[in-house]
Amino acid sequence: MKFRTGVAVVGLAGVGVAAVVGYGLVRQVTPLFQPDECTATVEGRTVTLDLEQAENAALITAVAVDRGMPARAATIALATAYQESKLYNLESGDRDSLGLFQQRPSQGWGTRAEIQDPYYATNAFYDELAKLDGYESMRVTVAAQRVQRSGFPEAYADHEADARVLASALTGNSRHAFGCRLGGTPDAVSARLTGTGLTHRAEVVRREVSEVFDDPPLGGFAPGGVQTGHMAGSAHYEGRAVDIFVRPISAENKVRGWAIAQYLVAQADRLDIKTVIFDGRIWTAGSKSGDGWRHYEPPERSGDRAILEHRDHVHVDVYP
């Protein structure tokens, strides 16, 4: 995976996550005069992030989901990163502090390269949080301070409300609560299929979801051009789509499905994602992206409505 560091894009390495190249592509800017941004709305409170902040918030939350930690853990981590870096992967800070959590190599958090890796830094934070007995019932600022040992121990409380909104949405506990407005489209690239029968862009998405969410069942375009079960015109036939199954349909799997779906929307700009569909809802990049998650009405045909409406799998497709 690759995530942004300021205006640069950095690779994740050395943490069991394969580096993927090829998605620092330039988008064509459309004259909409509206900034690309992401919002999460839960119980009437809205949090607005720029794209880099959204990518980092989604990763922080996804790591908690993958580790089987509660939404409370994500809230603590997000409040901490808000206070320490405003959810940016900073290249410097006070003394030798750097990264999302402003961790210090001199304090045993890892090397500079490791701490600048958002995936590593996030796992390092959760490793320490998990050692705190009863962190789930602690005040957010107390739990954050025991991990960070900051000179401003009460400052984390300032970001608790926004962190709760993001954690609720991005863990999937609040459905279709997180969306991004993206103007413009990426430049076209080669349509040649990889060994998995996917285009390069789709393969990058497949690999990232597999890495971040610990190998959920994935379905994609079959090598050799053979694919069944999708409606005419589906991006699957061009190798541009991946299905991520969350079977059987259950309340728990529905939450996981929404965590995956909203993670993909948060990363849509970076991964050149065009469409995400889950649980009867659809988000599309471009002119309709500002509408958030819309009701999805599949074309009428015979078959299982649950499958047609993507109740048991997240569908994601990328630009050509």
C-alpha atoms as a PDB file:
ATOM      1  CA  MET A   1       0.000   0.000   0.000  1.00  0.00           C
ATOM      2  CA  LYS A   2       0.955   3.615  -0.385  1.00  0.00           C
ATOM      3  CA  PHE A   3      -0.274   6.537   1.660  1.00  0.00           C
ATOM      4  CA  ARG A   4       0.448  10.227   1.448  1.00  0.00           C
ATOM      5  CA  THR A   5       3.065  12.040   3.513  1.00  0.00           C
ATOM      6  CA  GLY A   6       2.305  15.707   3.014  1.00  0.00           C
ATOM      7  CA  VAL A   7       2.486  16.137  -0.731  1.00  0.00           C
ATOM      8  CA  ALA A   8       4.547  12.995  -1.168  1.00  0.00           C
ATOM      9  CA  VAL A   9       3.439   9.375  -1.433  1.00  0.00           C
ATOM     10  CA  VAL A  10       5.309   6.861   0.700  1.00  0.00           C
ATOM     11  CA  GLY A  11       5.371   3.068   0.584  1.00  0.00           C
ATOM     12  CA  LEU A  12       4.577   0.696   3.429  1.00  0.00           C
ATOM     13  CA  ALA A  13       7.259  -1.912   3.947  1.00  0.00           C
ATOM     14  CA  GLY A  14       8.532  -4.329   6.540  1.00  0.00           C
ATOM     15  CA  VAL A  15       5.209  -4.898   8.306  1.00  0.00           C
ATOM     16  CA  GLY A  16       3.759  -7.820   6.426  1.00  0.00           C
ATOM     17  CA  VAL A  17       2.110  -5.586   3.844  1.00  0.00           C
ATOM     18  CA  ALA A  18       3.281  -5.819   0.255  1.00  0.00           C
ATOM     19  CA  ALA A  19       4.165  -2.536  -1.415  1.00  0.00           C
ATOM     20  CA  VAL A  20       2.025  -1.690  -4.426  1.00  0.00           C
ATOM     21  CA  VAL A  21       3.127   0.755  -7.101  1.00  0.00           C
ATOM     22  CA  GLY A  22       1.324   2.767  -9.671  1.00  0.00           C
ATOM     23  CA  TYR A  23      -1.320   4.865  -8.047  1.00  0.00           C
ATOM     24  CA  GLY A  24       0.206   8.270  -7.747  1.00  0.00           C
ATOM     25  CA  LEU A  25      -1.648   9.235 -10.924  1.00  0.00           C
ATOM     26  CA  VAL A  26      -2.656  12.813 -11.633  1.00  0.00           C
ATOM     27  CA  ARG A  27      -6.342  13.658 -11.805  1.00  0.00           C
ATOM     28  CA  GLN A  28      -7.827  16.050 -14.306  1.00  0.00           C
ATOM     29  CA  VAL A  29      -9.336  18.917 -12.339  1.00  0.00           C
ATOM     30  CA  THR A  30     -12.909  19.884 -13.129  1.00  0.00           C
ATOM     31  CA  PRO A  31     -14.068  23.498 -12.796  1.00  0.00           C
ATOM     32  CA  LEU A  32     -16.560  22.881  -9.981  1.00  0.00           C
ATOM     33  CA  PHE A  33     -15.002  25.288  -7.449  1.00  0.00           C
ATOM     34  CA  GLN A  34     -15.796  22.792  -4.722  1.00  0.00           C
ATOM     35  CA  PRO A  35     -12.900  21.195  -2.877  1.00  0.00           C
ATOM     36  CA  ASP A  36     -12.523  17.459  -2.796  1.00  0.00           C
ATOM     37  CA  GLU A  37     -13.386  16.451   0.751  1.00  0.00           C
ATOM     38  CA  CYS A  38     -14.924  13.719   2.871  1.00  0.00           C
ATOM     39  CA  THR A  39     -17.574  13.927   5.552  1.00  0.00           C
ATOM     40  CA  ALA A  40     -18.909  11.650   8.265  1.00  0.00           C
ATOM     41  CA  THR A  41     -22.265  12.357   9.865  1.00  0.00           C
ATOM     42  CA  VAL A  42     -23.531  10.483  12.932  1.00  0.00           C
ATOM     43  CA  GLU A  43     -26.406  11.553  15.173  1.00  0.00           C
ATOM     44  CA  GLY A  44     -26.464  15.053  13.715  1.00  0.00           C
ATOM     45  CA  ARG A  45     -22.743  15.776  14.093  1.00  0.00           C
ATOM     46  CA  THR A  46     -20.690  16.165  10.894  1.00  0.00           C
ATOM     47  CA  VAL A  47     -16.918  15.913  10.616  1.00  0.00           C
ATOM     48  CA  THR A  48     -15.208  17.197   7.453  1.00  0.00           C
ATOM     49  CA  LEU A  49     -11.774  15.998   6.334  1.00  0.00           C
ATOM     50  CA  ASP A  50      -9.550  16.609   3.360  1.00  0.00           C
ATOM     51  CA  LEU A  51      -8.527  13.568   1.342  1.00  0.00           C
ATOM     52  CA  GLU A  52      -5.250  12.878   3.140  1.00  0.00           C
ATOM     53  CA  GLN A  53      -6.913  13.112   6.534  1.00  0.00           C
ATOM     54  CA  ALA A  54      -9.694  10.797   5.360  1.00  0.00           C
ATOM     55  CA  GLU A  55      -7.244   8.200   4.078  1.00  0.00           C
ATOM     56  CA  ASN A  56      -5.392   8.190   7.385  1.00  0.00           C
ATOM     57  CA  ALA A  57      -8.552   8.123   9.514  1.00  0.00           C
ATOM     58  CA  ALA A  58      -9.863   5.190   7.490  1.00  0.00           C
ATOM     59  CA  LEU A  59      -6.604   3.267   7.861  1.00  0.00           C
ATOM     60  CA  ILE A  60      -6.446   3.883  11.620  1.00  0.00           C
ATOM     61  CA  THR A  61      -9.984   2.566  11.951  1.00  0.00           C
ATOM     62  CA  ALA A  62      -9.494  -0.379   9.581  1.00  0.00           C
ATOM     63  CA  VAL A  63      -6.527  -1.607  11.606  1.00  0.00           C
ATOM     64  CA  ALA A  64      -8.712  -1.647  14.727  1.00  0.00           C
ATOM     65  CA  VAL A  65     -11.394  -3.593  12.839  1.00  0.00           C
ATOM     66  CA  ASP A  66      -8.849  -6.077  11.509  1.00  0.00           C
ATOM     67  CA  ARG A  67      -7.380  -6.611  14.982  1.00  0.00           C
ATOM     68  CA  GLY A  68     -10.839  -7.288  16.411  1.00  0.00           C
ATOM     69  CA  MET A  69     -10.660  -4.251  18.692  1.00  0.00           C
ATOM     70  CA  PRO A  70     -13.831  -2.330  19.604  1.00  0.00           C
ATOM     71  CA  ALA A  71     -14.867   0.974  18.102  1.00  0.00           C
ATOM     72  CA  ARG A  72     -13.707   2.557  21.374  1.00  0.00           C
ATOM     73  CA  ALA A  73     -10.120   1.703  20.440  1.00  0.00           C
ATOM     74  CA  ALA A  74     -10.526   3.488  17.110  1.00  0.00           C
ATOM     75  CA  THR A  75     -11.995   6.511  18.903  1.00  0.00           C
ATOM     76  CA  ILE A  76      -8.964   6.689  21.204  1.00  0.00           C
ATOM     77  CA  ALA A  77      -6.519   6.318  18.316  1.00  0.00           C
ATOM     78  CA  LEU A  78      -8.304   8.901  16.167  1.00  0.00           C
ATOM     79  CA  ALA A  79      -8.489  11.445  18.999  1.00  0.00           C
ATOM     80  CA  THR A  80      -4.773  10.914  19.586  1.00  0.00           C
ATOM     81  CA  ALA A  81      -3.842  11.365  15.933  1.00  0.00           C
ATOM     82  CA  TYR A  82      -6.072  14.436  15.709  1.00  0.00           C
ATOM     83  CA  GLN A  83      -4.199  16.043  18.589  1.00  0.00           C
ATOM     84  CA  GLU A  84      -0.719  14.953  17.554  1.00  0.00           C
ATOM     85  CA  SER A  85      -0.796  15.521  13.788  1.00  0.00           C
ATOM     86  CA  LYS A  86      -4.284  16.625  12.712  1.00  0.00           C
ATOM     87  CA  LEU A  87      -4.414  13.234  10.935  1.00  0.00           C
ATOM     88  CA  TYR A  88      -1.436  14.001   8.681  1.00  0.00           C
ATOM     89  CA  ASN A  89       1.598  11.749   8.365  1.00  0.00           C
ATOM     90  CA  LEU A  90       4.092  14.442   9.346  1.00  0.00           C
ATOM     91  CA  GLU A  91       7.770  14.197   8.486  1.00  0.00           C
ATOM     92  CA  SER A  92       8.856  16.081  11.613  1.00  0.00           C
ATOM     93  CA  GLY A  93       7.680  17.406  14.954  1.00  0.00           C
ATOM     94  CA  ASP A  94       8.837  18.292  18.449  1.00  0.00           C
ATOM     95  CA  ARG A  95      12.379  16.954  18.917  1.00  0.00           C
ATOM     96  CA  ASP A  96      12.448  13.650  17.014  1.00  0.00           C
ATOM     97  CA  SER A  97       8.647  13.148  16.872  1.00  0.00           C
ATOM     98  CA  LEU A  98       7.092  12.291  13.529  1.00  0.00           C
ATOM     99  CA  GLY A  99       4.242  10.506  11.817  1.00  0.00           C
ATOM    100  CA  LEU A 100       0.527  10.268  12.546  1.00  0.00           C
ATOM    101  CA  PHE A 101       1.000   9.828  16.285  1.00  0.00           C
ATOM    102  CA  GLN A 102       4.209  11.870  16.609  1.00  0.00           C
ATOM    103  CA  GLN A 103       6.019   8.829  17.944  1.00  0.00           C
ATOM    104  CA  ARG A 104       9.707   9.194  18.766  1.00  0.00           C
ATOM    105  CA  PRO A 105      12.459   6.809  17.675  1.00  0.00           C
ATOM    106  CA  SER A 106      14.409   7.776  20.796  1.00  0.00           C
ATOM    107  CA  GLN A 107      11.530   6.490  22.940  1.00  0.00           C
ATOM    108  CA  GLY A 108      11.500   3.050  21.389  1.00  0.00           C
ATOM    109  CA  TRP A 109       8.617   3.437  18.939  1.00  0.00           C
ATOM    110  CA  GLY A 110      10.693   2.263  15.975  1.00  0.00           C
ATOM    111  CA  THR A 111      12.975   3.677  13.331  1.00  0.00           C
ATOM    112  CA  ARG A 112      12.138   6.869  11.465  1.00  0.00           C
ATOM    113  CA  ALA A 113      11.175   4.828   8.404  1.00  0.00           C
ATOM    114  CA  GLU A 114       8.910   2.568  10.450  1.00  0.00           C
ATOM    115  CA  ILE A 115       7.147   5.407  12.217  1.00  0.00           C
ATOM    116  CA  GLN A 116       6.567   7.162   8.891  1.00  0.00           C
ATOM    117  CA  ASP A 117       4.751   4.021   7.728  1.00  0.00           C
ATOM    118  CA  PRO A 118       1.109   4.696   8.760  1.00  0.00           C
ATOM    119  CA  TYR A 119       0.303   1.001   9.016  1.00  0.00           C
ATOM    120  CA  TYR A 120       3.267   0.330  11.306  1.00  0.00           C
ATOM    121  CA  ALA A 121       2.639   3.433  13.415  1.00  0.00           C
ATOM    122  CA  THR A 122      -1.024   2.595  13.885  1.00  0.00           C
ATOM    123  CA  ASN A 123      -0.272  -0.979  14.916  1.00  0.00           C
ATOM    124  CA  ALA A 124       2.386   0.282  17.324  1.00  0.00           C
ATOM    125  CA  PHE A 125      -0.206   2.530  18.952  1.00  0.00           C
ATOM    126  CA  TYR A 126      -2.721  -0.302  19.277  1.00  0.00           C
ATOM    127  CA  ASP A 127      -0.039  -2.652  20.637  1.00  0.00           C
ATOM    128  CA  GLU A 128       0.438  -0.277  23.558  1.00  0.00           C
ATOM    129  CA  LEU A 129      -3.268   0.444  23.981  1.00  0.00           C
ATOM    130  CA  ALA A 130      -4.061  -3.276  24.174  1.00  0.00           C
ATOM    131  CA  LYS A 131      -1.720  -3.574  27.166  1.00  0.00           C
ATOM    132  CA  LEU A 132      -3.939  -1.231  29.225  1.00  0.00           C
ATOM    133  CA  ASP A 133      -6.401  -3.252  31.279  1.00  0.00           C
ATOM    134  CA  GLY A 134      -9.843  -1.728  31.004  1.00  0.00           C
ATOM    135  CA  TYR A 135      -8.999   0.847  28.354  1.00  0.00           C
ATOM    136  CA  GLU A 136     -12.508   0.344  26.934  1.00  0.00           C
ATOM    137  CA  SER A 137     -14.025   2.036  29.992  1.00  0.00           C
ATOM    138  CA  MET A 138     -11.349   4.701  30.500  1.00  0.00           C
ATOM    139  CA  ARG A 139     -11.884   8.306  29.517  1.00  0.00           C
ATOM    140  CA  VAL A 140     -10.524   8.743  26.007  1.00  0.00           C
ATOM    141  CA  THR A 141      -7.971  11.311  27.115  1.00  0.00           C
ATOM    142  CA  VAL A 142      -6.749   9.063  29.961  1.00  0.00           C
ATOM    143  CA  ALA A 143      -6.226   6.076  27.683  1.00  0.00           C
ATOM    144  CA  ALA A 144      -4.512   8.229  25.059  1.00  0.00           C
ATOM    145  CA  GLN A 145      -2.210   9.785  27.631  1.00  0.00           C
ATOM    146  CA  ARG A 146      -1.161   6.435  29.072  1.00  0.00           C
ATOM    147  CA  VAL A 147      -0.047   5.377  25.601  1.00  0.00           C
ATOM    148  CA  GLN A 148       1.472   8.683  24.486  1.00  0.00           C
ATOM    149  CA  ARG A 149       2.762  10.242  27.738  1.00  0.00           C
ATOM    150  CA  SER A 150       2.190  13.719  26.336  1.00  0.00           C
ATOM    151  CA  GLY A 151       3.046  17.017  27.993  1.00  0.00           C
ATOM    152  CA  PHE A 152      -0.587  18.059  27.411  1.00  0.00           C
ATOM    153  CA  PRO A 153      -2.570  15.119  28.805  1.00  0.00           C
ATOM    154  CA  GLU A 154      -6.031  16.710  28.661  1.00  0.00           C
ATOM    155  CA  ALA A 155      -5.727  17.905  25.059  1.00  0.00           C
ATOM    156  CA  TYR A 156      -6.980  14.626  23.599  1.00  0.00           C
ATOM    157  CA  ALA A 157     -10.441  15.323  25.017  1.00  0.00           C
ATOM    158  CA  ASP A 158     -10.803  18.242  22.591  1.00  0.00           C
ATOM    159  CA  HIS A 159     -11.073  15.786  19.699  1.00  0.00           C
ATOM    160  CA  GLU A 160     -13.172  13.063  21.304  1.00  0.00           C
ATOM    161  CA  ALA A 161     -16.508  14.058  19.755  1.00  0.00           C
ATOM    162  CA  ASP A 162     -15.140  14.141  16.200  1.00  0.00           C
ATOM    163  CA  ALA A 163     -13.211  10.926  16.783  1.00  0.00           C
ATOM    164  CA  ARG A 164     -16.406   9.186  17.918  1.00  0.00           C
ATOM    165  CA  VAL A 165     -18.188  10.206  14.724  1.00  0.00           C
ATOM    166  CA  LEU A 166     -15.382   8.930  12.517  1.00  0.00           C
ATOM    167  CA  ALA A 167     -14.980   5.708  14.489  1.00  0.00           C
ATOM    168  CA  SER A 168     -18.693   4.953  14.361  1.00  0.00           C
ATOM    169  CA  ALA A 169     -18.850   5.504  10.601  1.00  0.00           C
ATOM    170  CA  LEU A 170     -15.584   3.877   9.579  1.00  0.00           C
ATOM    171  CA  THR A 171     -16.015   0.777  11.766  1.00  0.00           C
ATOM    172  CA  GLY A 172     -19.321   0.225   9.968  1.00  0.00           C
ATOM    173  CA  ASN A 173     -21.445   0.697  13.070  1.00  0.00           C
ATOM    174  CA  SER A 174     -23.074   3.696  11.365  1.00  0.00           C
ATOM    175  CA  ARG A 175     -24.130   2.657   7.882  1.00  0.00           C
ATOM    176  CA  HIS A 176     -23.640   4.846   4.804  1.00  0.00           C
ATOM    177  CA  ALA A 177     -22.469   7.621   7.124  1.00  0.00           C
ATOM    178  CA  PHE A 178     -19.145   8.399   5.439  1.00  0.00           C
ATOM    179  CA  GLY A 179     -18.753   9.775   1.926  1.00  0.00           C
ATOM    180  CA  CYS A 180     -16.360  11.772  -0.229  1.00  0.00           C
ATOM    181  CA  ARG A 181     -16.910  14.390  -2.911  1.00  0.00           C
ATOM    182  CA  LEU A 182     -14.407  13.889  -5.711  1.00  0.00           C
ATOM    183  CA  GLY A 183     -14.328  16.051  -8.800  1.00  0.00           C
ATOM    184  CA  GLY A 184     -12.468  15.042 -11.930  1.00  0.00           C
ATOM    185  CA  THR A 185     -11.371  11.700 -13.294  1.00  0.00           C
ATOM    186  CA  PRO A 186      -7.960  10.023 -13.520  1.00  0.00           C
ATOM    187  CA  ASP A 187      -6.148   9.615 -16.793  1.00  0.00           C
ATOM    188  CA  ALA A 188      -6.834   6.382 -18.654  1.00  0.00           C
ATOM    189  CA  VAL A 189      -4.243   3.621 -18.313  1.00  0.00           C
ATOM    190  CA  SER A 190      -3.599   0.278 -19.958  1.00  0.00           C
ATOM    191  CA  ALA A 191      -6.543  -2.129 -19.952  1.00  0.00           C
ATOM    192  CA  ARG A 192      -4.210  -5.132 -20.053  1.00  0.00           C
ATOM    193  CA  LEU A 193      -5.177  -7.748 -17.474  1.00  0.00           C
ATOM    194  CA  THR A 194      -2.836  -9.076 -14.817  1.00  0.00           C
ATOM    195  CA  GLY A 195      -2.440 -12.747 -13.963  1.00  0.00           C
ATOM    196  CA  THR A 196      -5.505 -12.530 -11.707  1.00  0.00           C
ATOM    197  CA  GLY A 197      -7.683 -11.408 -14.612  1.00  0.00           C
ATOM    198  CA  LEU A 198      -7.902  -7.870 -13.271  1.00  0.00           C
ATOM    199  CA  THR A 199      -6.606  -4.591 -14.607  1.00  0.00           C
ATOM    200  CA  HIS A 200      -3.684  -3.153 -12.690  1.00  0.00           C
ATOM    201  CA  ARG A 201      -5.905  -0.654 -10.882  1.00  0.00           C
ATOM    202  CA  ALA A 202      -8.381  -3.347  -9.841  1.00  0.00           C
ATOM    203  CA  GLU A 203      -5.566  -5.638  -8.737  1.00  0.00           C
ATOM    204  CA  VAL A 204      -4.179  -2.864  -6.514  1.00  0.00           C
ATOM    205  CA  VAL A 205      -7.590  -2.570  -4.835  1.00  0.00           C
ATOM    206  CA  ARG A 206      -7.939  -6.348  -4.447  1.00  0.00           C
ATOM    207  CA  ARG A 207      -4.513  -6.589  -2.858  1.00  0.00           C
ATOM    208  CA  GLU A 208      -5.046  -3.671  -0.512  1.00  0.00           C
ATOM    209  CA  VAL A 209      -8.390  -4.940   0.809  1.00  0.00           C
ATOM    210  CA  SER A 210      -6.852  -8.369   1.310  1.00  0.00           C
ATOM    211  CA  GLU A 211      -3.952  -6.876   3.267  1.00  0.00           C
ATOM    212  CA  VAL A 212      -5.849  -4.353   5.377  1.00  0.00           C
ATOM    213  CA  PHE A 213      -8.782  -6.618   6.249  1.00  0.00           C
ATOM    214  CA  ASP A 214      -6.830  -9.861   6.655  1.00  0.00           C
ATOM    215  CA  ASP A 215      -7.851 -11.759   3.544  1.00  0.00           C
ATOM    216  CA  PRO A 216     -11.639 -11.467   3.392  1.00  0.00           C
ATOM    217  CA  PRO A 217     -13.161 -13.721   0.706  1.00  0.00           C
ATOM    218  CA  LEU A 218     -12.653 -11.945  -2.590  1.00  0.00           C
ATOM    219  CA  GLY A 219     -14.277 -12.543  -5.930  1.00  0.00           C
ATOM    220  CA  GLY A 220     -13.061 -10.968  -9.123  1.00  0.00           C
ATOM    221  CA  PHE A 221     -12.698 -11.409 -12.827  1.00  0.00           C
ATOM    222  CA  ALA A 222     -11.696 -14.961 -13.716  1.00  0.00           C
ATOM    223  CA  PRO A 223      -8.463 -15.313 -15.753  1.00  0.00           C
ATOM    224  CA  GLY A 224      -9.041 -16.208 -19.379  1.00  0.00           C
ATOM    225  CA  GLY A 225     -12.038 -13.942 -19.777  1.00  0.00           C
ATOM    226  CA  VAL A 226     -14.574 -16.351 -18.285  1.00  0.00           C
ATOM    227  CA  GLN A 227     -16.987 -14.735 -15.857  1.00  0.00           C
ATOM    228  CA  THR A 228     -20.573 -15.609 -14.991  1.00  0.00           C
ATOM    229  CA  GLY A 229     -23.271 -14.262 -12.731  1.00  0.00           C
ATOM    230  CA  HIS A 230     -22.939 -10.552 -13.501  1.00  0.00           C
ATOM    231  CA  MET A 231     -25.357  -8.391 -15.431  1.00  0.00           C
ATOM    232  CA  ALA A 232     -24.552  -7.165 -18.914  1.00  0.00           C
ATOM    233  CA  GLY A 233     -22.234  -4.183 -18.973  1.00  0.00           C
ATOM    234  CA  SER A 234     -20.713  -4.987 -15.580  1.00  0.00           C
ATOM    235  CA  ALA A 235     -17.168  -3.766 -14.991  1.00  0.00           C
ATOM    236  CA  HIS A 236     -16.359  -7.380 -14.070  1.00  0.00           C
ATOM    237  CA  TYR A 237     -16.277  -8.261 -17.771  1.00  0.00           C
ATOM    238  CA  GLU A 238     -13.481  -5.728 -18.298  1.00  0.00           C
ATOM    239  CA  GLY A 239     -11.525  -6.894 -15.247  1.00  0.00           C
ATOM    240  CA  ARG A 240     -12.183  -3.590 -13.458  1.00  0.00           C
ATOM    241  CA  ALA A 241     -14.255  -4.888 -10.543  1.00  0.00           C
ATOM    242  CA  VAL A 242     -13.771  -6.879  -7.358  1.00  0.00           C
ATOM    243  CA  ASP A 243     -16.419  -8.371  -5.056  1.00  0.00           C
ATOM    244  CA  ILE A 244     -15.643  -8.685  -1.336  1.00  0.00           C
ATOM    245  CA  PHE A 245     -17.977 -11.193   0.290  1.00  0.00           C
ATOM    246  CA  VAL A 246     -19.287 -10.850   3.854  1.00  0.00           C
ATOM    247  CA  ARG A 247     -21.294 -14.051   4.078  1.00  0.00           C
ATOM    248  CA  PRO A 248     -23.515 -15.225   5.624  1.00  0.00           C
ATOM    249  CA  ILE A 249     -25.755 -12.177   5.821  1.00  0.00           C
ATOM    250  CA  SER A 250     -25.809 -11.245   9.504  1.00  0.00           C
ATOM    251  CA  ALA A 251     -25.725  -8.151  11.679  1.00  0.00           C
ATOM    252  CA  GLU A 252     -22.021  -8.688  12.409  1.00  0.00           C
ATOM    253  CA  ASN A 253     -21.101  -9.181   8.762  1.00  0.00           C
ATOM    254  CA  LYS A 254     -23.214  -6.184   7.771  1.00  0.00           C
ATOM    255  CA  VAL A 255     -21.093  -4.015  10.081  1.00  0.00           C
ATOM    256  CA  ARG A 256     -17.903  -5.474   8.580  1.00  0.00           C
ATOM    257  CA  GLY A 257     -19.222  -4.889   5.076  1.00  0.00           C
ATOM    258  CA  TRP A 258     -19.885  -1.238   5.824  1.00  0.00           C
ATOM    259  CA  ALA A 259     -16.416  -0.884   7.331  1.00  0.00           C
ATOM    260  CA  ILE A 260     -14.903  -2.199   4.092  1.00  0.00           C
ATOM    261  CA  ALA A 261     -17.214  -0.154   1.852  1.00  0.00           C
ATOM    262  CA  GLN A 262     -16.546   3.125   3.633  1.00  0.00           C
ATOM    263  CA  TYR A 263     -12.810   2.421   3.796  1.00  0.00           C
ATOM    264  CA  LEU A 264     -12.867   2.096   0.002  1.00  0.00           C
ATOM    265  CA  VAL A 265     -14.674   5.423  -0.383  1.00  0.00           C
ATOM    266  CA  ALA A 266     -12.079   7.076   1.856  1.00  0.00           C
ATOM    267  CA  GLN A 267      -9.317   5.710  -0.390  1.00  0.00           C
ATOM    268  CA  ALA A 268     -11.181   6.307  -3.662  1.00  0.00           C
ATOM    269  CA  ASP A 269      -9.049   9.215  -4.869  1.00  0.00           C
ATOM    270  CA  ARG A 270      -5.778   7.414  -4.194  1.00  0.00           C
ATOM    271  CA  LEU A 271      -6.946   4.089  -5.670  1.00  0.00           C
ATOM    272  CA  ASP A 272      -8.872   5.529  -8.652  1.00  0.00           C
ATOM    273  CA  ILE A 273     -12.098   3.906  -7.497  1.00  0.00           C
ATOM    274  CA  LYS A 274     -15.195   4.738  -9.519  1.00  0.00           C
ATOM    275  CA  THR A 275     -18.024   2.861  -7.774  1.00  0.00           C
ATOM    276  CA  VAL A 276     -18.720   1.163  -4.451  1.00  0.00           C
ATOM    277  CA  ILE A 277     -21.977  -0.741  -3.855  1.00  0.00           C
ATOM    278  CA  PHE A 278     -23.144  -2.470  -0.683  1.00  0.00           C
ATOM    279  CA  ASP A 279     -26.374  -3.300   1.097  1.00  0.00           C
ATOM    280  CA  GLY A 280     -28.663  -1.601  -1.386  1.00  0.00           C
ATOM    281  CA  ARG A 281     -26.592   1.606  -1.513  1.00  0.00           C
ATOM    282  CA  ILE A 282     -24.202   3.011  -4.107  1.00  0.00           C
ATOM    283  CA  TRP A 283     -21.478   5.654  -4.026  1.00  0.00           C
ATOM    284  CA  THR A 284     -19.969   6.899  -7.276  1.00  0.00           C
ATOM    285  CA  ALA A 285     -17.021   9.197  -7.882  1.00  0.00           C
ATOM    286  CA  GLY A 286     -17.417  12.280 -10.029  1.00  0.00           C
ATOM    287  CA  SER A 287     -20.485  14.461 -10.427  1.00  0.00           C
ATOM    288  CA  LYS A 288     -22.695  12.367  -8.120  1.00  0.00           C
ATOM    289  CA  SER A 289     -20.128  11.838  -5.398  1.00  0.00           C
ATOM    290  CA  GLY A 290     -21.397  14.829  -3.435  1.00  0.00           C
ATOM    291  CA  ASP A 291     -24.742  13.029  -3.075  1.00  0.00           C
ATOM    292  CA  GLY A 292     -23.098  10.451  -0.846  1.00  0.00           C
ATOM    293  CA  TRP A 293     -24.599   6.964  -0.607  1.00  0.00           C
ATOM    294  CA  ARG A 294     -27.690   6.748  -2.830  1.00  0.00           C
ATOM    295  CA  HIS A 295     -30.272   3.972  -2.944  1.00  0.00           C
ATOM    296  CA  TYR A 296     -29.189   1.322  -5.441  1.00  0.00           C
ATOM    297  CA  GLU A 297     -31.766  -0.105  -7.802  1.00  0.00           C
ATOM    298  CA  PRO A 298     -30.360  -3.019  -9.819  1.00  0.00           C
ATOM    299  CA  PRO A 299     -31.857  -3.712 -13.247  1.00  0.00           C
ATOM    300  CA  GLU A 300     -34.861  -5.991 -13.008  1.00  0.00           C
ATOM    301  CA  ARG A 301     -34.086  -9.610 -13.722  1.00  0.00           C
ATOM    302  CA  SER A 302     -34.722 -12.973 -12.163  1.00  0.00           C
ATOM    303  CA  GLY A 303     -32.450 -14.016  -9.340  1.00  0.00           C
ATOM    304  CA  ASP A 304     -31.742 -13.543  -5.668  1.00  0.00           C
ATOM    305  CA  ARG A 305     -32.537  -9.937  -4.714  1.00  0.00           C
ATOM    306  CA  ALA A 306     -30.056 -10.088  -1.838  1.00  0.00           C
ATOM    307  CA  ILE A 307     -27.275 -10.810  -4.325  1.00  0.00           C
ATOM    308  CA  LEU A 308     -28.519  -8.276  -6.879  1.00  0.00           C
ATOM    309  CA  GLU A 309     -28.644  -5.576  -4.226  1.00  0.00           C
ATOM    310  CA  HIS A 310     -25.180  -6.532  -2.951  1.00  0.00           C
ATOM    311  CA  ARG A 311     -26.410  -7.472   0.510  1.00  0.00           C
ATOM    312  CA  ASP A 312     -23.742 -10.186   0.900  1.00  0.00           C
ATOM    313  CA  HIS A 313     -20.789  -8.521  -0.797  1.00  0.00           C
ATOM    314  CA  VAL A 314     -19.146  -5.179  -1.390  1.00  0.00           C
ATOM    315  CA  HIS A 315     -18.722  -4.384  -5.071  1.00  0.00           C
ATOM    316  CA  VAL A 316     -15.931  -2.013  -6.036  1.00  0.00           C
ATOM    317  CA  ASP A 317     -14.848  -1.009  -9.513  1.00  0.00           C
ATOM    318  CA  VAL A 318     -12.130   1.278 -10.769  1.00  0.00           C
ATOM    319  CA  TYR A 319     -11.733   3.674 -13.656  1.00  0.00           C
ATOM    320  CA  PRO A 320     -10.522   2.270 -17.015  1.00  0.00           C
END
